[in-house]
PDB file of all heavy atoms in Angstrom:
ATOM      1  N   GLU A   1     -23.953 -13.800   2.880  1.00  0.00           N
ATOM      2  CA  GLU A   1     -24.175 -14.440   1.640  1.00  0.00           C
ATOM      3  C   GLU A   1     -24.127 -13.484   0.457  1.00  0.00           C
ATOM      4  O   GLU A   1     -24.547 -12.380   0.598  1.00  0.00           O
ATOM      5  CB  GLU A   1     -25.401 -15.296   1.659  1.00  0.00           C
ATOM      6  CG  GLU A   1     -26.710 -14.442   1.629  1.00  0.00           C
ATOM      7  CD  GLU A   1     -27.975 -15.241   1.560  1.00  0.00           C
ATOM      8  OE1 GLU A   1     -27.794 -16.417   1.136  1.00  0.00           O
ATOM      9  OE2 GLU A   1     -29.087 -14.736   1.870  1.00  0.00           O
ATOM     10  N   PHE A   2     -23.771 -13.932  -0.658  1.00  0.00           N
ATOM     11  CA  PHE A   2     -23.566 -13.136  -1.861  1.00  0.00           C
ATOM     12  C   PHE A   2     -24.948 -12.859  -2.416  1.00  0.00           C
ATOM     13  O   PHE A   2     -25.837 -13.656  -2.430  1.00  0.00           O
ATOM     14  CB  PHE A   2     -22.833 -13.903  -2.974  1.00  0.00           C
ATOM     15  CG  PHE A   2     -22.852 -13.287  -4.318  1.00  0.00           C
ATOM     16  CD1 PHE A   2     -22.183 -12.216  -4.638  1.00  0.00           C
ATOM     17  CD2 PHE A   2     -23.663 -13.906  -5.254  1.00  0.00           C
ATOM     18  CE1 PHE A   2     -22.239 -11.674  -5.902  1.00  0.00           C
ATOM     19  CE2 PHE A   2     -23.814 -13.361  -6.546  1.00  0.00           C
ATOM     20  CZ  PHE A   2     -23.010 -12.230  -6.855  1.00  0.00           C
ATOM     21  N   VAL A   3     -25.161 -11.652  -2.922  1.00  0.00           N
ATOM     22  CA  VAL A   3     -26.386 -11.229  -3.566  1.00  0.00           C
ATOM     23  C   VAL A   3     -26.191 -10.875  -4.969  1.00  0.00           C
ATOM     24  O   VAL A   3     -26.913 -11.497  -5.846  1.00  0.00           O
ATOM     25  CB  VAL A   3     -26.988 -10.048  -2.799  1.00  0.00           C
ATOM     26  CG1 VAL A   3     -28.276  -9.497  -3.467  1.00  0.00           C
ATOM     27  CG2 VAL A   3     -27.335 -10.383  -1.361  1.00  0.00           C
ATOM     28  N   ALA A   4     -25.297  -9.961  -5.269  1.00  0.00           N
ATOM     29  CA  ALA A   4     -25.191  -9.433  -6.656  1.00  0.00           C
ATOM     30  C   ALA A   4     -23.762  -8.778  -6.707  1.00  0.00           C
ATOM     31  O   ALA A   4     -23.148  -8.334  -5.822  1.00  0.00           O
ATOM     32  CB  ALA A   4     -26.270  -8.517  -7.051  1.00  0.00           C
ATOM     33  N   ARG A   5     -23.272  -8.676  -8.012  1.00  0.00           N
ATOM     34  CA  ARG A   5     -21.985  -7.978  -8.248  1.00  0.00           C
ATOM     35  C   ARG A   5     -22.140  -7.374  -9.634  1.00  0.00           C
ATOM     36  O   ARG A   5     -22.798  -7.912 -10.550  1.00  0.00           O
ATOM     37  CB  ARG A   5     -20.843  -8.877  -8.184  1.00  0.00           C
ATOM     38  CG  ARG A   5     -20.831 -10.064  -9.020  1.00  0.00           C
ATOM     39  CD  ARG A   5     -19.468 -10.946  -8.921  1.00  0.00           C
ATOM     40  NE  ARG A   5     -19.623 -12.231  -9.589  1.00  0.00           N
ATOM     41  CZ  ARG A   5     -18.739 -13.103  -9.796  1.00  0.00           C
ATOM     42  NH1 ARG A   5     -17.540 -12.782  -9.506  1.00  0.00           N
ATOM     43  NH2 ARG A   5     -18.992 -14.321 -10.269  1.00  0.00           N
ATOM     44  N   ILE A   6     -21.307  -6.261  -9.776  1.00  0.00           N
ATOM     45  CA  ILE A   6     -21.180  -5.699 -11.093  1.00  0.00           C
ATOM     46  C   ILE A   6     -19.744  -5.470 -11.358  1.00  0.00           C
ATOM     47  O   ILE A   6     -18.991  -5.046 -10.572  1.00  0.00           O
ATOM     48  CB  ILE A   6     -21.985  -4.248 -11.163  1.00  0.00           C
ATOM     49  CG1 ILE A   6     -21.880  -3.658 -12.596  1.00  0.00           C
ATOM     50  CG2 ILE A   6     -21.462  -3.353 -10.130  1.00  0.00           C
ATOM     51  CD1 ILE A   6     -22.906  -2.500 -12.825  1.00  0.00           C
ATOM     52  N   PHE A   7     -19.344  -6.062 -12.546  1.00  0.00           N
ATOM     53  CA  PHE A   7     -17.906  -6.188 -12.759  1.00  0.00           C
ATOM     54  C   PHE A   7     -17.173  -4.848 -13.077  1.00  0.00           C
ATOM     55  O   PHE A   7     -17.810  -3.925 -13.592  1.00  0.00           O
ATOM     56  CB  PHE A   7     -17.659  -7.120 -13.995  1.00  0.00           C
ATOM     57  CG  PHE A   7     -18.211  -8.459 -13.809  1.00  0.00           C
ATOM     58  CD1 PHE A   7     -19.166  -9.016 -14.734  1.00  0.00           C
ATOM     59  CD2 PHE A   7     -18.010  -9.295 -12.734  1.00  0.00           C
ATOM     60  CE1 PHE A   7     -19.634 -10.307 -14.536  1.00  0.00           C
ATOM     61  CE2 PHE A   7     -18.440 -10.540 -12.487  1.00  0.00           C
ATOM     62  CZ  PHE A   7     -19.363 -11.032 -13.493  1.00  0.00           C
ATOM     63  N   ARG A   8     -15.881  -4.763 -12.750  1.00  0.00           N
ATOM     64  CA  ARG A   8     -15.176  -3.572 -12.896  1.00  0.00           C
ATOM     65  C   ARG A   8     -14.922  -3.262 -14.337  1.00  0.00           C
ATOM     66  O   ARG A   8     -15.168  -2.099 -14.813  1.00  0.00           O
ATOM     67  CB  ARG A   8     -13.780  -3.738 -12.089  1.00  0.00           C
ATOM     68  CG  ARG A   8     -12.843  -2.522 -12.299  1.00  0.00           C
ATOM     69  CD  ARG A   8     -11.477  -2.922 -11.947  1.00  0.00           C
ATOM     70  NE  ARG A   8     -10.836  -3.749 -13.041  1.00  0.00           N
ATOM     71  CZ  ARG A   8      -9.648  -4.365 -12.867  1.00  0.00           C
ATOM     72  NH1 ARG A   8      -9.060  -4.377 -11.639  1.00  0.00           N
ATOM     73  NH2 ARG A   8      -9.180  -5.111 -13.832  1.00  0.00           N
ATOM     74  N   SER A   9     -14.620  -4.241 -15.215  1.00  0.00           N
ATOM     75  CA  SER A   9     -14.117  -3.935 -16.592  1.00  0.00           C
ATOM     76  C   SER A   9     -15.362  -3.612 -17.446  1.00  0.00           C
ATOM     77  O   SER A   9     -15.227  -2.740 -18.347  1.00  0.00           O
ATOM     78  CB  SER A   9     -13.423  -5.188 -17.098  1.00  0.00           C
ATOM     79  OG  SER A   9     -12.302  -5.552 -16.285  1.00  0.00           O
ATOM     80  N   VAL A  10     -16.468  -4.284 -17.137  1.00  0.00           N
ATOM     81  CA  VAL A  10     -17.624  -4.024 -18.069  1.00  0.00           C
ATOM     82  C   VAL A  10     -18.826  -3.883 -17.128  1.00  0.00           C
ATOM     83  O   VAL A  10     -18.670  -4.065 -15.891  1.00  0.00           O
ATOM     84  CB  VAL A  10     -17.837  -5.151 -19.059  1.00  0.00           C
ATOM     85  CG1 VAL A  10     -16.705  -5.214 -20.032  1.00  0.00           C
ATOM     86  CG2 VAL A  10     -18.047  -6.472 -18.347  1.00  0.00           C
ATOM     87  N   ASP A  11     -20.070  -3.678 -17.648  1.00  0.00           N
ATOM     88  CA  ASP A  11     -21.152  -3.450 -16.823  1.00  0.00           C
ATOM     89  C   ASP A  11     -21.996  -4.742 -16.685  1.00  0.00           C
ATOM     90  O   ASP A  11     -23.121  -4.704 -16.265  1.00  0.00           O
ATOM     91  CB  ASP A  11     -22.192  -2.364 -17.527  1.00  0.00           C
ATOM     92  CG  ASP A  11     -21.600  -1.022 -17.357  1.00  0.00           C
ATOM     93  OD1 ASP A  11     -20.833  -0.761 -16.365  1.00  0.00           O
ATOM     94  OD2 ASP A  11     -21.903  -0.136 -18.118  1.00  0.00           O
ATOM     95  N   SER A  12     -21.309  -5.847 -16.966  1.00  0.00           N
ATOM     96  CA  SER A  12     -21.948  -7.151 -16.855  1.00  0.00           C
ATOM     97  C   SER A  12     -22.177  -7.340 -15.297  1.00  0.00           C
ATOM     98  O   SER A  12     -21.470  -6.867 -14.483  1.00  0.00           O
ATOM     99  CB  SER A  12     -21.160  -8.260 -17.411  1.00  0.00           C
ATOM    100  OG  SER A  12     -21.053  -8.080 -18.813  1.00  0.00           O
ATOM    101  N   THR A  13     -23.277  -8.186 -15.007  1.00  0.00           N
ATOM    102  CA  THR A  13     -23.634  -8.392 -13.673  1.00  0.00           C
ATOM    103  C   THR A  13     -23.770  -9.936 -13.333  1.00  0.00           C
ATOM    104  O   THR A  13     -23.920 -10.710 -14.224  1.00  0.00           O
ATOM    105  CB  THR A  13     -24.969  -7.746 -13.315  1.00  0.00           C
ATOM    106  OG1 THR A  13     -25.939  -8.175 -14.248  1.00  0.00           O
ATOM    107  CG2 THR A  13     -24.729  -6.195 -13.525  1.00  0.00           C
ATOM    108  N   ASP A  14     -23.850 -10.205 -12.121  1.00  0.00           N
ATOM    109  CA  ASP A  14     -23.971 -11.535 -11.574  1.00  0.00           C
ATOM    110  C   ASP A  14     -24.886 -11.559 -10.416  1.00  0.00           C
ATOM    111  O   ASP A  14     -24.753 -10.646  -9.575  1.00  0.00           O
ATOM    112  CB  ASP A  14     -22.568 -12.202 -11.304  1.00  0.00           C
ATOM    113  CG  ASP A  14     -22.766 -13.682 -10.754  1.00  0.00           C
ATOM    114  OD1 ASP A  14     -23.458 -14.475 -11.352  1.00  0.00           O
ATOM    115  OD2 ASP A  14     -22.173 -13.874  -9.731  1.00  0.00           O
ATOM    116  N   TYR A  15     -25.813 -12.541 -10.307  1.00  0.00           N
ATOM    117  CA  TYR A  15     -26.767 -12.555  -9.184  1.00  0.00           C
ATOM    118  C   TYR A  15     -26.777 -13.946  -8.553  1.00  0.00           C
ATOM    119  O   TYR A  15     -26.624 -14.991  -9.221  1.00  0.00           O
ATOM    120  CB  TYR A  15     -28.190 -12.269  -9.761  1.00  0.00           C
ATOM    121  CG  TYR A  15     -28.263 -10.831 -10.275  1.00  0.00           C
ATOM    122  CD1 TYR A  15     -28.054 -10.585 -11.589  1.00  0.00           C
ATOM    123  CD2 TYR A  15     -28.507  -9.733  -9.355  1.00  0.00           C
ATOM    124  CE1 TYR A  15     -28.167  -9.367 -12.129  1.00  0.00           C
ATOM    125  CE2 TYR A  15     -28.563  -8.430  -9.924  1.00  0.00           C
ATOM    126  CZ  TYR A  15     -28.366  -8.255 -11.272  1.00  0.00           C
ATOM    127  OH  TYR A  15     -28.509  -7.008 -11.797  1.00  0.00           O
ATOM    128  N   ALA A  16     -27.099 -14.024  -7.285  1.00  0.00           N
ATOM    129  CA  ALA A  16     -27.471 -15.153  -6.616  1.00  0.00           C
ATOM    130  C   ALA A  16     -28.784 -15.763  -7.230  1.00  0.00           C
ATOM    131  O   ALA A  16     -29.671 -15.020  -7.523  1.00  0.00           O
ATOM    132  CB  ALA A  16     -27.580 -14.950  -5.121  1.00  0.00           C
ATOM    133  N   ASP A  17     -28.899 -17.133  -7.124  1.00  0.00           N
ATOM    134  CA  ASP A  17     -30.081 -17.723  -7.632  1.00  0.00           C
ATOM    135  C   ASP A  17     -31.304 -17.154  -6.937  1.00  0.00           C
ATOM    136  O   ASP A  17     -32.426 -17.118  -7.406  1.00  0.00           O
ATOM    137  CB  ASP A  17     -30.009 -19.318  -7.514  1.00  0.00           C
ATOM    138  CG  ASP A  17     -28.985 -19.825  -8.425  1.00  0.00           C
ATOM    139  OD1 ASP A  17     -28.534 -19.144  -9.499  1.00  0.00           O
ATOM    140  OD2 ASP A  17     -28.566 -21.060  -8.221  1.00  0.00           O
ATOM    141  N   SER A  18     -31.161 -16.919  -5.613  1.00  0.00           N
ATOM    142  CA  SER A  18     -32.244 -16.501  -4.801  1.00  0.00           C
ATOM    143  C   SER A  18     -32.825 -15.205  -5.174  1.00  0.00           C
ATOM    144  O   SER A  18     -33.960 -14.884  -4.732  1.00  0.00           O
ATOM    145  CB  SER A  18     -31.885 -16.534  -3.241  1.00  0.00           C
ATOM    146  OG  SER A  18     -30.887 -15.574  -3.056  1.00  0.00           O
ATOM    147  N   VAL A  19     -32.134 -14.391  -5.857  1.00  0.00           N
ATOM    148  CA  VAL A  19     -32.541 -12.954  -6.188  1.00  0.00           C
ATOM    149  C   VAL A  19     -32.622 -12.764  -7.713  1.00  0.00           C
ATOM    150  O   VAL A  19     -33.191 -11.671  -8.077  1.00  0.00           O
ATOM    151  CB  VAL A  19     -31.696 -11.927  -5.528  1.00  0.00           C
ATOM    152  CG1 VAL A  19     -31.729 -12.115  -4.029  1.00  0.00           C
ATOM    153  CG2 VAL A  19     -30.398 -11.966  -6.166  1.00  0.00           C
ATOM    154  N   GLU A  20     -32.032 -13.578  -8.517  1.00  0.00           N
ATOM    155  CA  GLU A  20     -32.080 -13.361  -9.938  1.00  0.00           C
ATOM    156  C   GLU A  20     -33.465 -13.185 -10.453  1.00  0.00           C
ATOM    157  O   GLU A  20     -34.327 -13.968 -10.151  1.00  0.00           O
ATOM    158  CB  GLU A  20     -31.305 -14.398 -10.652  1.00  0.00           C
ATOM    159  CG  GLU A  20     -31.060 -14.144 -12.111  1.00  0.00           C
ATOM    160  CD  GLU A  20     -29.920 -15.028 -12.750  1.00  0.00           C
ATOM    161  OE1 GLU A  20     -29.593 -16.116 -12.090  1.00  0.00           O
ATOM    162  OE2 GLU A  20     -29.549 -14.774 -13.911  1.00  0.00           O
ATOM    163  N   GLY A  21     -33.630 -12.169 -11.272  1.00  0.00           N
ATOM    164  CA  GLY A  21     -34.951 -11.850 -11.803  1.00  0.00           C
ATOM    165  C   GLY A  21     -35.717 -10.956 -10.982  1.00  0.00           C
ATOM    166  O   GLY A  21     -36.744 -10.339 -11.374  1.00  0.00           O
ATOM    167  N   ARG A  22     -35.380 -10.738  -9.718  1.00  0.00           N
ATOM    168  CA  ARG A  22     -35.972  -9.772  -8.784  1.00  0.00           C
ATOM    169  C   ARG A  22     -35.222  -8.620  -8.465  1.00  0.00           C
ATOM    170  O   ARG A  22     -35.728  -7.492  -8.261  1.00  0.00           O
ATOM    171  CB  ARG A  22     -36.467 -10.522  -7.520  1.00  0.00           C
ATOM    172  CG  ARG A  22     -37.455 -11.661  -7.819  1.00  0.00           C
ATOM    173  CD  ARG A  22     -37.918 -12.234  -6.449  1.00  0.00           C
ATOM    174  NE  ARG A  22     -36.923 -12.680  -5.611  1.00  0.00           N
ATOM    175  CZ  ARG A  22     -36.560 -12.177  -4.446  1.00  0.00           C
ATOM    176  NH1 ARG A  22     -37.221 -11.159  -3.908  1.00  0.00           N
ATOM    177  NH2 ARG A  22     -35.632 -12.782  -3.707  1.00  0.00           N
ATOM    178  N   PHE A  23     -33.918  -8.768  -8.329  1.00  0.00           N
ATOM    179  CA  PHE A  23     -32.951  -7.742  -7.939  1.00  0.00           C
ATOM    180  C   PHE A  23     -32.085  -7.349  -9.135  1.00  0.00           C
ATOM    181  O   PHE A  23     -31.691  -8.069  -9.978  1.00  0.00           O
ATOM    182  CB  PHE A  23     -31.953  -8.192  -6.829  1.00  0.00           C
ATOM    183  CG  PHE A  23     -32.661  -8.387  -5.534  1.00  0.00           C
ATOM    184  CD1 PHE A  23     -34.048  -8.463  -5.404  1.00  0.00           C
ATOM    185  CD2 PHE A  23     -31.754  -8.568  -4.405  1.00  0.00           C
ATOM    186  CE1 PHE A  23     -34.519  -8.624  -4.171  1.00  0.00           C
ATOM    187  CE2 PHE A  23     -32.395  -8.820  -3.071  1.00  0.00           C
ATOM    188  CZ  PHE A  23     -33.818  -8.940  -2.998  1.00  0.00           C
ATOM    189  N   THR A  24     -31.701  -6.066  -9.120  1.00  0.00           N
ATOM    190  CA  THR A  24     -30.895  -5.415 -10.116  1.00  0.00           C
ATOM    191  C   THR A  24     -29.847  -4.544  -9.589  1.00  0.00           C
ATOM    192  O   THR A  24     -30.087  -3.628  -8.809  1.00  0.00           O
ATOM    193  CB  THR A  24     -31.661  -4.697 -11.197  1.00  0.00           C
ATOM    194  OG1 THR A  24     -32.655  -5.394 -11.821  1.00  0.00           O
ATOM    195  CG2 THR A  24     -30.786  -4.048 -12.267  1.00  0.00           C
ATOM    196  N   ILE A  25     -28.449  -4.853  -9.818  1.00  0.00           N
ATOM    197  CA  ILE A  25     -27.396  -3.992  -9.453  1.00  0.00           C
ATOM    198  C   ILE A  25     -27.016  -3.163 -10.530  1.00  0.00           C
ATOM    199  O   ILE A  25     -27.005  -3.468 -11.596  1.00  0.00           O
ATOM    200  CB  ILE A  25     -26.240  -4.919  -8.896  1.00  0.00           C
ATOM    201  CG1 ILE A  25     -25.150  -4.015  -8.292  1.00  0.00           C
ATOM    202  CG2 ILE A  25     -25.689  -5.755 -10.015  1.00  0.00           C
ATOM    203  CD1 ILE A  25     -24.036  -4.843  -7.607  1.00  0.00           C
ATOM    204  N   SER A  26     -26.717  -1.851 -10.189  1.00  0.00           N
ATOM    205  CA  SER A  26     -26.340  -0.890 -11.128  1.00  0.00           C
ATOM    206  C   SER A  26     -25.355   0.093 -10.498  1.00  0.00           C
ATOM    207  O   SER A  26     -25.222   0.065  -9.277  1.00  0.00           O
ATOM    208  CB  SER A  26     -27.507  -0.155 -11.802  1.00  0.00           C
ATOM    209  OG  SER A  26     -28.274   0.625 -10.822  1.00  0.00           O
ATOM    210  N   ARG A  27     -24.750   0.856 -11.281  1.00  0.00           N
ATOM    211  CA  ARG A  27     -23.834   1.951 -10.734  1.00  0.00           C
ATOM    212  C   ARG A  27     -23.930   3.277 -11.519  1.00  0.00           C
ATOM    213  O   ARG A  27     -24.232   3.253 -12.729  1.00  0.00           O
ATOM    214  CB  ARG A  27     -22.476   1.445 -10.725  1.00  0.00           C
ATOM    215  CG  ARG A  27     -21.801   1.063 -12.054  1.00  0.00           C
ATOM    216  CD  ARG A  27     -20.412   0.508 -11.940  1.00  0.00           C
ATOM    217  NE  ARG A  27     -19.918   0.015 -13.110  1.00  0.00           N
ATOM    218  CZ  ARG A  27     -19.026  -0.906 -13.221  1.00  0.00           C
ATOM    219  NH1 ARG A  27     -18.417  -1.324 -12.065  1.00  0.00           N
ATOM    220  NH2 ARG A  27     -18.573  -1.372 -14.326  1.00  0.00           N
ATOM    221  N   ASP A  28     -23.651   4.320 -10.838  1.00  0.00           N
ATOM    222  CA  ASP A  28     -23.670   5.688 -11.425  1.00  0.00           C
ATOM    223  C   ASP A  28     -22.220   6.108 -11.144  1.00  0.00           C
ATOM    224  O   ASP A  28     -21.954   6.648 -10.067  1.00  0.00           O
ATOM    225  CB  ASP A  28     -24.663   6.566 -10.923  1.00  0.00           C
ATOM    226  CG  ASP A  28     -24.837   7.855 -11.625  1.00  0.00           C
ATOM    227  OD1 ASP A  28     -23.727   8.351 -12.108  1.00  0.00           O
ATOM    228  OD2 ASP A  28     -25.924   8.487 -11.745  1.00  0.00           O
ATOM    229  N   ASN A  29     -21.330   6.067 -12.133  1.00  0.00           N
ATOM    230  CA  ASN A  29     -19.956   6.449 -11.980  1.00  0.00           C
ATOM    231  C   ASN A  29     -19.821   7.948 -11.599  1.00  0.00           C
ATOM    232  O   ASN A  29     -18.999   8.332 -10.898  1.00  0.00           O
ATOM    233  CB  ASN A  29     -19.163   5.964 -13.094  1.00  0.00           C
ATOM    234  CG  ASN A  29     -18.957   4.547 -13.235  1.00  0.00           C
ATOM    235  OD1 ASN A  29     -19.077   3.826 -12.285  1.00  0.00           O
ATOM    236  ND2 ASN A  29     -18.652   4.137 -14.455  1.00  0.00           N
ATOM    237  N   ALA A  30     -20.709   8.767 -12.187  1.00  0.00           N
ATOM    238  CA  ALA A  30     -20.560  10.212 -11.992  1.00  0.00           C
ATOM    239  C   ALA A  30     -20.879  10.597 -10.520  1.00  0.00           C
ATOM    240  O   ALA A  30     -20.362  11.363  -9.931  1.00  0.00           O
ATOM    241  CB  ALA A  30     -21.568  10.905 -12.837  1.00  0.00           C
ATOM    242  N   LEU A  31     -21.832   9.805  -9.939  1.00  0.00           N
ATOM    243  CA  LEU A  31     -22.164   9.952  -8.474  1.00  0.00           C
ATOM    244  C   LEU A  31     -21.305   9.037  -7.568  1.00  0.00           C
ATOM    245  O   LEU A  31     -21.521   9.160  -6.405  1.00  0.00           O
ATOM    246  CB  LEU A  31     -23.627   9.723  -8.327  1.00  0.00           C
ATOM    247  CG  LEU A  31     -24.656  10.689  -8.999  1.00  0.00           C
ATOM    248  CD1 LEU A  31     -26.044  10.197  -8.705  1.00  0.00           C
ATOM    249  CD2 LEU A  31     -24.398  12.061  -8.536  1.00  0.00           C
ATOM    250  N   ASN A  32     -20.508   8.101  -8.239  1.00  0.00           N
ATOM    251  CA  ASN A  32     -19.807   7.236  -7.385  1.00  0.00           C
ATOM    252  C   ASN A  32     -20.601   6.434  -6.419  1.00  0.00           C
ATOM    253  O   ASN A  32     -20.219   6.208  -5.323  1.00  0.00           O
ATOM    254  CB  ASN A  32     -18.664   8.044  -6.669  1.00  0.00           C
ATOM    255  CG  ASN A  32     -17.415   7.274  -6.395  1.00  0.00           C
ATOM    256  OD1 ASN A  32     -16.976   6.373  -7.273  1.00  0.00           O
ATOM    257  ND2 ASN A  32     -16.657   7.373  -5.289  1.00  0.00           N
ATOM    258  N   THR A  33     -21.687   5.951  -6.993  1.00  0.00           N
ATOM    259  CA  THR A  33     -22.697   5.236  -6.156  1.00  0.00           C
ATOM    260  C   THR A  33     -23.132   3.993  -6.851  1.00  0.00           C
ATOM    261  O   THR A  33     -23.297   3.943  -7.996  1.00  0.00           O
ATOM    262  CB  THR A  33     -23.888   6.169  -5.880  1.00  0.00           C
ATOM    263  OG1 THR A  33     -23.463   7.339  -5.209  1.00  0.00           O
ATOM    264  CG2 THR A  33     -24.920   5.475  -5.014  1.00  0.00           C
ATOM    265  N   VAL A  34     -23.359   2.926  -6.041  1.00  0.00           N
ATOM    266  CA  VAL A  34     -23.864   1.619  -6.477  1.00  0.00           C
ATOM    267  C   VAL A  34     -25.260   1.485  -5.955  1.00  0.00           C
ATOM    268  O   VAL A  34     -25.502   1.878  -4.819  1.00  0.00           O
ATOM    269  CB  VAL A  34     -22.909   0.467  -6.168  1.00  0.00           C
ATOM    270  CG1 VAL A  34     -23.463  -0.821  -6.575  1.00  0.00           C
ATOM    271  CG2 VAL A  34     -21.538   0.699  -6.642  1.00  0.00           C
ATOM    272  N   TYR A  35     -26.177   0.864  -6.659  1.00  0.00           N
ATOM    273  CA  TYR A  35     -27.559   0.635  -6.339  1.00  0.00           C
ATOM    274  C   TYR A  35     -27.847  -0.806  -6.322  1.00  0.00           C
ATOM    275  O   TYR A  35     -27.290  -1.685  -7.168  1.00  0.00           O
ATOM    276  CB  TYR A  35     -28.492   1.377  -7.172  1.00  0.00           C
ATOM    277  CG  TYR A  35     -28.170   2.858  -7.267  1.00  0.00           C
ATOM    278  CD1 TYR A  35     -27.358   3.444  -8.270  1.00  0.00           C
ATOM    279  CD2 TYR A  35     -28.613   3.819  -6.288  1.00  0.00           C
ATOM    280  CE1 TYR A  35     -27.123   4.792  -8.348  1.00  0.00           C
ATOM    281  CE2 TYR A  35     -28.306   5.172  -6.334  1.00  0.00           C
ATOM    282  CZ  TYR A  35     -27.610   5.584  -7.411  1.00  0.00           C
ATOM    283  OH  TYR A  35     -27.296   6.896  -7.544  1.00  0.00           O
ATOM    284  N   LEU A  36     -28.912  -1.119  -5.540  1.00  0.00           N
ATOM    285  CA  LEU A  36     -29.458  -2.481  -5.619  1.00  0.00           C
ATOM    286  C   LEU A  36     -30.985  -2.175  -5.612  1.00  0.00           C
ATOM    287  O   LEU A  36     -31.552  -1.910  -4.562  1.00  0.00           O
ATOM    288  CB  LEU A  36     -29.051  -3.356  -4.426  1.00  0.00           C
ATOM    289  CG  LEU A  36     -29.602  -4.801  -4.474  1.00  0.00           C
ATOM    290  CD1 LEU A  36     -29.028  -5.561  -5.568  1.00  0.00           C
ATOM    291  CD2 LEU A  36     -29.239  -5.497  -3.098  1.00  0.00           C
ATOM    292  N   GLN A  37     -31.579  -2.472  -6.713  1.00  0.00           N
ATOM    293  CA  GLN A  37     -33.009  -2.341  -6.852  1.00  0.00           C
ATOM    294  C   GLN A  37     -33.650  -3.671  -6.548  1.00  0.00           C
ATOM    295  O   GLN A  37     -33.381  -4.725  -7.291  1.00  0.00           O
ATOM    296  CB  GLN A  37     -33.363  -1.942  -8.298  1.00  0.00           C
ATOM    297  CG  GLN A  37     -34.918  -1.759  -8.560  1.00  0.00           C
ATOM    298  CD  GLN A  37     -35.556  -0.608  -7.688  1.00  0.00           C
ATOM    299  OE1 GLN A  37     -35.010   0.442  -7.684  1.00  0.00           O
ATOM    300  NE2 GLN A  37     -36.598  -0.932  -7.017  1.00  0.00           N
ATOM    301  N   MET A  38     -34.427  -3.720  -5.566  1.00  0.00           N
ATOM    302  CA  MET A  38     -35.016  -4.931  -5.151  1.00  0.00           C
ATOM    303  C   MET A  38     -36.580  -4.979  -5.385  1.00  0.00           C
ATOM    304  O   MET A  38     -37.234  -4.036  -5.044  1.00  0.00           O
ATOM    305  CB  MET A  38     -34.839  -5.301  -3.666  1.00  0.00           C
ATOM    306  CG  MET A  38     -33.364  -5.234  -3.249  1.00  0.00           C
ATOM    307  SD  MET A  38     -33.073  -5.573  -1.543  1.00  0.00           S
ATOM    308  CE  MET A  38     -33.748  -4.195  -0.673  1.00  0.00           C
ATOM    309  N   SER A  39     -37.071  -5.985  -6.120  1.00  0.00           N
ATOM    310  CA  SER A  39     -38.498  -6.042  -6.373  1.00  0.00           C
ATOM    311  C   SER A  39     -38.985  -7.422  -5.969  1.00  0.00           C
ATOM    312  O   SER A  39     -38.247  -8.295  -5.706  1.00  0.00           O
ATOM    313  CB  SER A  39     -38.726  -5.878  -7.954  1.00  0.00           C
ATOM    314  OG  SER A  39     -38.112  -4.637  -8.353  1.00  0.00           O
ATOM    315  N   THR A  40     -40.383  -7.493  -5.841  1.00  0.00           N
ATOM    316  CA  THR A  40     -41.045  -8.634  -5.552  1.00  0.00           C
ATOM    317  C   THR A  40     -40.367  -9.165  -4.192  1.00  0.00           C
ATOM    318  O   THR A  40     -40.133 -10.384  -4.142  1.00  0.00           O
ATOM    319  CB  THR A  40     -40.954  -9.652  -6.645  1.00  0.00           C
ATOM    320  OG1 THR A  40     -41.297  -9.068  -7.877  1.00  0.00           O
ATOM    321  CG2 THR A  40     -42.087 -10.750  -6.386  1.00  0.00           C
TER     322      THR A  40
END
């Protein structure tokens, strides 16, 4: 099941209803790494 995505063109994000408000997806292009910060 889908959790989160971060768009290629911009830094806009999208979240599944089950995690929105609790999870945050981000990326560090310099480190070529994507993160998922999960809370609560």
